[in-house]
Amino acid sequence: NYFSIGIDSKMLLDFDTLRKTHPELFPHRLVNYGWYGLIGLKSMVKKYKPLSQFTTLLVDGKEIEIPSKARAIVCLNIPSYSGGTNPWANCRNPDVIEKTPQSICDGTIEIFA
């Protein structure tokens, strides 16, 4: 289970709005993937304000700096999100994986931007 704010949430909202307004455009799961991909491409070229300009992240009462390039913040306690994406598989910082491996039963919620 997870939740997020930012560009990925906006993409999902756009997808869901289109699907509810025009259900005839979504006859099959593969077509759904195509629409989601198009909405994602549109989101990639659109300019969004960085979350750090209008969002504050508090964790255990401490303010956490949001990276200036962050366009989404995801909070989760499962090893994947958004249709199976594994954020730890592509982590560029080996210290993160070594010091804080993700676990479903460790009583913590992982947060990444």
N, C-alpha and C. Protein backbone atom coordinates (compact mmCIF):
# COMPACT_ATOMS: atom_id res chain seq x y z
N ASN A 1 0.80 -1.14 0.00
CA ASN A 1 0.00 0.00 0.00
C ASN A 1 0.87 1.24 0.00
N TYR A 2 0.44 2.21 -0.79
CA TYR A 2 1.23 3.41 -0.94
C TYR A 2 0.34 4.59 -1.30
N PHE A 3 0.89 5.76 -1.17
CA PHE A 3 0.25 6.94 -1.72
C PHE A 3 1.33 7.87 -2.21
N SER A 4 0.95 8.77 -3.08
CA SER A 4 1.93 9.70 -3.62
C SER A 4 1.27 11.03 -3.90
N ILE A 5 2.12 12.04 -4.01
CA ILE A 5 1.67 13.35 -4.46
C ILE A 5 2.63 13.78 -5.56
N GLY A 6 2.13 14.58 -6.48
CA GLY A 6 2.99 15.08 -7.53
C GLY A 6 2.57 14.60 -8.90
N ILE A 7 3.55 14.52 -9.78
CA ILE A 7 3.28 14.25 -11.19
C ILE A 7 2.63 12.88 -11.42
N ASP A 8 3.02 11.85 -10.69
CA ASP A 8 2.42 10.54 -10.91
C ASP A 8 0.95 10.52 -10.48
N SER A 9 0.63 11.25 -9.43
CA SER A 9 -0.77 11.36 -9.01
C SER A 9 -1.58 12.13 -10.05
N LYS A 10 -0.98 13.17 -10.61
CA LYS A 10 -1.65 13.95 -11.65
C LYS A 10 -1.92 13.09 -12.88
N MET A 11 -0.95 12.26 -13.26
CA MET A 11 -1.14 11.37 -14.40
C MET A 11 -2.30 10.40 -14.14
N LEU A 12 -2.33 9.83 -12.96
CA LEU A 12 -3.40 8.89 -12.63
C LEU A 12 -4.76 9.59 -12.62
N LEU A 13 -4.81 10.80 -12.09
CA LEU A 13 -6.06 11.56 -12.08
C LEU A 13 -6.52 11.84 -13.52
N ASP A 14 -5.60 12.26 -14.39
CA ASP A 14 -5.95 12.51 -15.79
C ASP A 14 -6.46 11.23 -16.46
N PHE A 15 -5.78 10.11 -16.20
CA PHE A 15 -6.19 8.82 -16.76
C PHE A 15 -7.58 8.45 -16.29
N ASP A 16 -7.82 8.54 -14.99
CA ASP A 16 -9.10 8.16 -14.42
C ASP A 16 -10.23 9.06 -14.92
N THR A 17 -9.96 10.36 -15.02
CA THR A 17 -10.96 11.30 -15.53
C THR A 17 -11.33 10.96 -16.98
N LEU A 18 -10.33 10.71 -17.81
CA LEU A 18 -10.57 10.36 -19.21
C LEU A 18 -11.36 9.04 -19.30
N ARG A 19 -10.98 8.07 -18.50
CA ARG A 19 -11.65 6.76 -18.52
C ARG A 19 -13.11 6.88 -18.10
N LYS A 20 -13.39 7.72 -17.10
CA LYS A 20 -14.77 7.89 -16.64
C LYS A 20 -15.61 8.71 -17.62
N THR A 21 -14.97 9.69 -18.28
CA THR A 21 -15.71 10.54 -19.21
C THR A 21 -15.95 9.85 -20.55
N HIS A 22 -15.00 9.01 -20.96
CA HIS A 22 -15.09 8.33 -22.25
C HIS A 22 -14.77 6.84 -22.09
N PRO A 23 -15.64 6.09 -21.45
CA PRO A 23 -15.35 4.66 -21.23
C PRO A 23 -15.20 3.87 -22.52
N GLU A 24 -15.79 4.37 -23.61
CA GLU A 24 -15.69 3.67 -24.90
C GLU A 24 -14.26 3.65 -25.43
N LEU A 25 -13.40 4.54 -24.93
CA LEU A 25 -12.00 4.58 -25.37
C LEU A 25 -11.13 3.56 -24.63
N PHE A 26 -11.72 2.82 -23.70
CA PHE A 26 -10.97 1.89 -22.86
C PHE A 26 -11.57 0.49 -22.90
N PRO A 27 -11.59 -0.14 -24.09
CA PRO A 27 -12.25 -1.44 -24.21
C PRO A 27 -11.42 -2.63 -23.69
N HIS A 28 -10.13 -2.43 -23.48
CA HIS A 28 -9.25 -3.56 -23.15
C HIS A 28 -8.06 -3.07 -22.33
N ARG A 29 -7.50 -3.96 -21.53
CA ARG A 29 -6.37 -3.60 -20.68
C ARG A 29 -5.19 -3.05 -21.48
N LEU A 30 -4.89 -3.65 -22.64
CA LEU A 30 -3.76 -3.17 -23.44
C LEU A 30 -4.00 -1.74 -23.94
N VAL A 31 -5.24 -1.42 -24.27
CA VAL A 31 -5.57 -0.06 -24.68
C VAL A 31 -5.37 0.88 -23.49
N ASN A 32 -5.75 0.43 -22.30
CA ASN A 32 -5.53 1.24 -21.09
C ASN A 32 -4.05 1.58 -20.94
N TYR A 33 -3.17 0.60 -21.14
CA TYR A 33 -1.73 0.85 -21.05
C TYR A 33 -1.29 1.91 -22.06
N GLY A 34 -1.86 1.84 -23.27
CA GLY A 34 -1.53 2.82 -24.29
C GLY A 34 -1.93 4.23 -23.88
N TRP A 35 -3.15 4.38 -23.36
CA TRP A 35 -3.60 5.68 -22.89
C TRP A 35 -2.74 6.18 -21.74
N TYR A 36 -2.41 5.29 -20.84
CA TYR A 36 -1.58 5.69 -19.70
C TYR A 36 -0.20 6.15 -20.19
N GLY A 37 0.32 5.45 -21.18
CA GLY A 37 1.61 5.83 -21.77
C GLY A 37 1.55 7.21 -22.43
N LEU A 38 0.47 7.48 -23.17
CA LEU A 38 0.31 8.79 -23.80
C LEU A 38 0.20 9.90 -22.77
N ILE A 39 -0.55 9.64 -21.72
CA ILE A 39 -0.68 10.64 -20.65
C ILE A 39 0.68 10.85 -19.99
N GLY A 40 1.45 9.78 -19.83
CA GLY A 40 2.79 9.89 -19.26
C GLY A 40 3.72 10.71 -20.15
N LEU A 41 3.65 10.48 -21.46
CA LEU A 41 4.47 11.27 -22.38
C LEU A 41 4.11 12.74 -22.31
N LYS A 42 2.82 13.03 -22.24
CA LYS A 42 2.38 14.42 -22.12
C LYS A 42 2.94 15.04 -20.84
N SER A 43 2.93 14.27 -19.77
CA SER A 43 3.44 14.77 -18.49
C SER A 43 4.95 15.01 -18.52
N MET A 44 5.65 14.22 -19.34
CA MET A 44 7.11 14.37 -19.41
C MET A 44 7.52 15.69 -20.07
N VAL A 45 6.72 16.18 -21.00
CA VAL A 45 7.10 17.41 -21.70
C VAL A 45 6.53 18.66 -21.05
N LYS A 46 5.53 18.49 -20.20
CA LYS A 46 4.93 19.64 -19.52
C LYS A 46 5.83 20.07 -18.36
N LYS A 47 5.90 21.35 -18.14
CA LYS A 47 6.69 21.89 -17.03
C LYS A 47 5.83 21.96 -15.77
N TYR A 48 6.32 21.38 -14.69
CA TYR A 48 5.64 21.42 -13.40
C TYR A 48 6.53 22.13 -12.40
N LYS A 49 5.91 22.85 -11.48
CA LYS A 49 6.68 23.48 -10.41
C LYS A 49 7.24 22.39 -9.51
N PRO A 50 8.47 22.56 -9.05
CA PRO A 50 9.04 21.59 -8.10
C PRO A 50 8.20 21.54 -6.82
N LEU A 51 8.02 20.36 -6.29
CA LEU A 51 7.26 20.19 -5.04
C LEU A 51 7.85 21.01 -3.91
N SER A 52 9.16 21.20 -3.93
CA SER A 52 9.81 21.93 -2.85
C SER A 52 9.35 23.38 -2.76
N GLN A 53 8.74 23.89 -3.83
CA GLN A 53 8.27 25.27 -3.83
C GLN A 53 6.94 25.45 -3.10
N PHE A 54 6.19 24.35 -2.92
CA PHE A 54 4.88 24.50 -2.28
C PHE A 54 4.50 23.36 -1.34
N THR A 55 5.45 22.49 -1.03
CA THR A 55 5.17 21.35 -0.17
C THR A 55 6.23 21.24 0.92
N THR A 56 5.79 20.87 2.11
CA THR A 56 6.71 20.59 3.21
C THR A 56 6.54 19.13 3.59
N LEU A 57 7.65 18.44 3.78
CA LEU A 57 7.63 17.04 4.18
C LEU A 57 8.10 16.93 5.62
N LEU A 58 7.22 16.49 6.49
CA LEU A 58 7.56 16.27 7.90
C LEU A 58 7.56 14.78 8.18
N VAL A 59 8.65 14.29 8.74
CA VAL A 59 8.77 12.88 9.11
C VAL A 59 9.17 12.82 10.57
N ASP A 60 8.36 12.19 11.38
CA ASP A 60 8.60 12.10 12.83
C ASP A 60 8.87 13.47 13.43
N GLY A 61 8.13 14.47 12.97
CA GLY A 61 8.25 15.83 13.51
C GLY A 61 9.41 16.63 12.98
N LYS A 62 10.20 16.05 12.06
CA LYS A 62 11.35 16.75 11.49
C LYS A 62 11.08 17.08 10.03
N GLU A 63 11.42 18.31 9.65
CA GLU A 63 11.26 18.70 8.25
C GLU A 63 12.38 18.07 7.42
N ILE A 64 11.98 17.42 6.34
CA ILE A 64 12.93 16.78 5.42
C ILE A 64 13.01 17.62 4.16
N GLU A 65 14.21 17.93 3.74
CA GLU A 65 14.39 18.73 2.53
C GLU A 65 13.96 17.92 1.32
N ILE A 66 13.13 18.53 0.50
CA ILE A 66 12.68 17.90 -0.74
C ILE A 66 13.65 18.33 -1.84
N PRO A 67 14.23 17.39 -2.57
CA PRO A 67 15.16 17.77 -3.65
C PRO A 67 14.49 18.73 -4.63
N SER A 68 15.26 19.69 -5.12
CA SER A 68 14.71 20.74 -5.97
C SER A 68 14.14 20.20 -7.28
N LYS A 69 14.63 19.07 -7.74
CA LYS A 69 14.13 18.50 -8.99
C LYS A 69 13.00 17.50 -8.78
N ALA A 70 12.61 17.25 -7.55
CA ALA A 70 11.56 16.27 -7.26
C ALA A 70 10.22 16.74 -7.80
N ARG A 71 9.56 15.85 -8.51
CA ARG A 71 8.23 16.14 -9.05
C ARG A 71 7.18 15.23 -8.44
N ALA A 72 7.61 14.30 -7.56
CA ALA A 72 6.68 13.41 -6.88
C ALA A 72 7.32 12.93 -5.58
N ILE A 73 6.46 12.65 -4.60
CA ILE A 73 6.88 12.03 -3.35
C ILE A 73 6.00 10.81 -3.14
N VAL A 74 6.62 9.68 -2.90
CA VAL A 74 5.90 8.42 -2.72
C VAL A 74 6.18 7.88 -1.33
N CYS A 75 5.12 7.49 -0.64
CA CYS A 75 5.22 6.86 0.69
C CYS A 75 4.65 5.46 0.54
N LEU A 76 5.44 4.44 0.90
CA LEU A 76 4.95 3.08 0.73
C LEU A 76 5.54 2.13 1.75
N ASN A 77 4.86 1.01 1.93
CA ASN A 77 5.38 -0.05 2.80
C ASN A 77 5.36 -1.39 2.08
N ILE A 78 5.40 -1.34 0.76
CA ILE A 78 5.46 -2.54 -0.08
C ILE A 78 6.64 -2.37 -1.04
N PRO A 79 7.13 -3.45 -1.63
CA PRO A 79 8.33 -3.35 -2.47
C PRO A 79 8.09 -2.80 -3.87
N SER A 80 6.86 -2.46 -4.22
CA SER A 80 6.62 -1.91 -5.55
C SER A 80 5.41 -0.98 -5.52
N TYR A 81 5.27 -0.21 -6.58
CA TYR A 81 4.12 0.69 -6.71
C TYR A 81 3.88 0.95 -8.19
N SER A 82 2.76 1.57 -8.48
CA SER A 82 2.45 2.00 -9.85
C SER A 82 2.59 0.87 -10.86
N GLY A 83 1.87 -0.18 -10.64
CA GLY A 83 1.88 -1.29 -11.60
C GLY A 83 3.11 -2.17 -11.54
N GLY A 84 3.81 -2.17 -10.44
CA GLY A 84 4.94 -3.08 -10.28
C GLY A 84 6.31 -2.46 -10.31
N THR A 85 6.41 -1.14 -10.38
CA THR A 85 7.71 -0.47 -10.37
C THR A 85 8.42 -0.72 -9.05
N ASN A 86 9.66 -1.13 -9.11
CA ASN A 86 10.46 -1.38 -7.91
C ASN A 86 11.47 -0.25 -7.77
N PRO A 87 11.20 0.72 -6.90
CA PRO A 87 12.12 1.86 -6.78
C PRO A 87 13.51 1.50 -6.28
N TRP A 88 13.65 0.40 -5.58
CA TRP A 88 14.96 0.00 -5.06
C TRP A 88 15.82 -0.65 -6.14
N ALA A 89 15.22 -1.15 -7.18
CA ALA A 89 15.98 -1.80 -8.25
C ALA A 89 16.86 -0.80 -9.00
N ASN A 90 16.43 0.45 -9.06
CA ASN A 90 17.17 1.46 -9.82
C ASN A 90 17.80 2.53 -8.93
N CYS A 91 17.96 2.24 -7.67
CA CYS A 91 18.53 3.21 -6.75
C CYS A 91 19.99 3.48 -7.12
N ARG A 92 20.34 4.76 -7.19
CA ARG A 92 21.71 5.15 -7.57
C ARG A 92 22.64 5.24 -6.37
N ASN A 93 22.09 5.13 -5.17
CA ASN A 93 22.90 5.28 -3.97
C ASN A 93 22.98 3.93 -3.25
N PRO A 94 24.09 3.21 -3.38
CA PRO A 94 24.19 1.89 -2.76
C PRO A 94 24.07 1.92 -1.23
N ASP A 95 24.41 3.05 -0.61
CA ASP A 95 24.27 3.16 0.85
C ASP A 95 22.81 3.03 1.28
N VAL A 96 21.90 3.53 0.46
CA VAL A 96 20.47 3.46 0.80
C VAL A 96 20.04 2.00 0.88
N ILE A 97 20.41 1.22 -0.10
CA ILE A 97 20.02 -0.19 -0.13
C ILE A 97 20.68 -0.95 1.01
N GLU A 98 21.96 -0.69 1.24
CA GLU A 98 22.71 -1.41 2.27
C GLU A 98 22.23 -1.07 3.68
N LYS A 99 21.99 0.21 3.95
CA LYS A 99 21.64 0.65 5.30
C LYS A 99 20.16 0.53 5.61
N THR A 100 19.33 0.67 4.60
CA THR A 100 17.88 0.66 4.84
C THR A 100 17.16 -0.20 3.82
N PRO A 101 17.37 -1.51 3.86
CA PRO A 101 16.65 -2.35 2.90
C PRO A 101 15.14 -2.30 3.13
N GLN A 102 14.39 -2.34 2.06
CA GLN A 102 12.94 -2.28 2.15
C GLN A 102 12.40 -3.62 2.67
N SER A 103 11.47 -3.54 3.59
CA SER A 103 10.82 -4.75 4.12
C SER A 103 9.36 -4.43 4.40
N ILE A 104 8.51 -5.34 4.04
CA ILE A 104 7.08 -5.16 4.24
C ILE A 104 6.69 -5.23 5.72
N CYS A 105 7.51 -5.88 6.52
CA CYS A 105 7.12 -6.13 7.92
C CYS A 105 8.07 -5.47 8.92
N ASP A 106 8.73 -4.38 8.53
CA ASP A 106 9.66 -3.74 9.46
C ASP A 106 9.03 -2.61 10.26
N GLY A 107 7.74 -2.34 10.04
CA GLY A 107 7.06 -1.31 10.83
C GLY A 107 7.37 0.10 10.39
N THR A 108 8.02 0.26 9.24
CA THR A 108 8.33 1.61 8.75
C THR A 108 7.70 1.84 7.38
N ILE A 109 7.58 3.11 7.06
CA ILE A 109 7.10 3.51 5.73
C ILE A 109 8.27 4.16 5.02
N GLU A 110 8.59 3.67 3.85
CA GLU A 110 9.67 4.26 3.05
C GLU A 110 9.11 5.46 2.30
N ILE A 111 9.93 6.48 2.17
CA ILE A 111 9.53 7.70 1.46
C ILE A 111 10.64 8.03 0.47
N PHE A 112 10.26 8.28 -0.77
CA PHE A 112 11.27 8.69 -1.74
C PHE A 112 10.67 9.72 -2.69
N ALA A 113 11.56 10.48 -3.32
CA ALA A 113 11.14 11.51 -4.25
C ALA A 113 11.72 11.21 -5.62
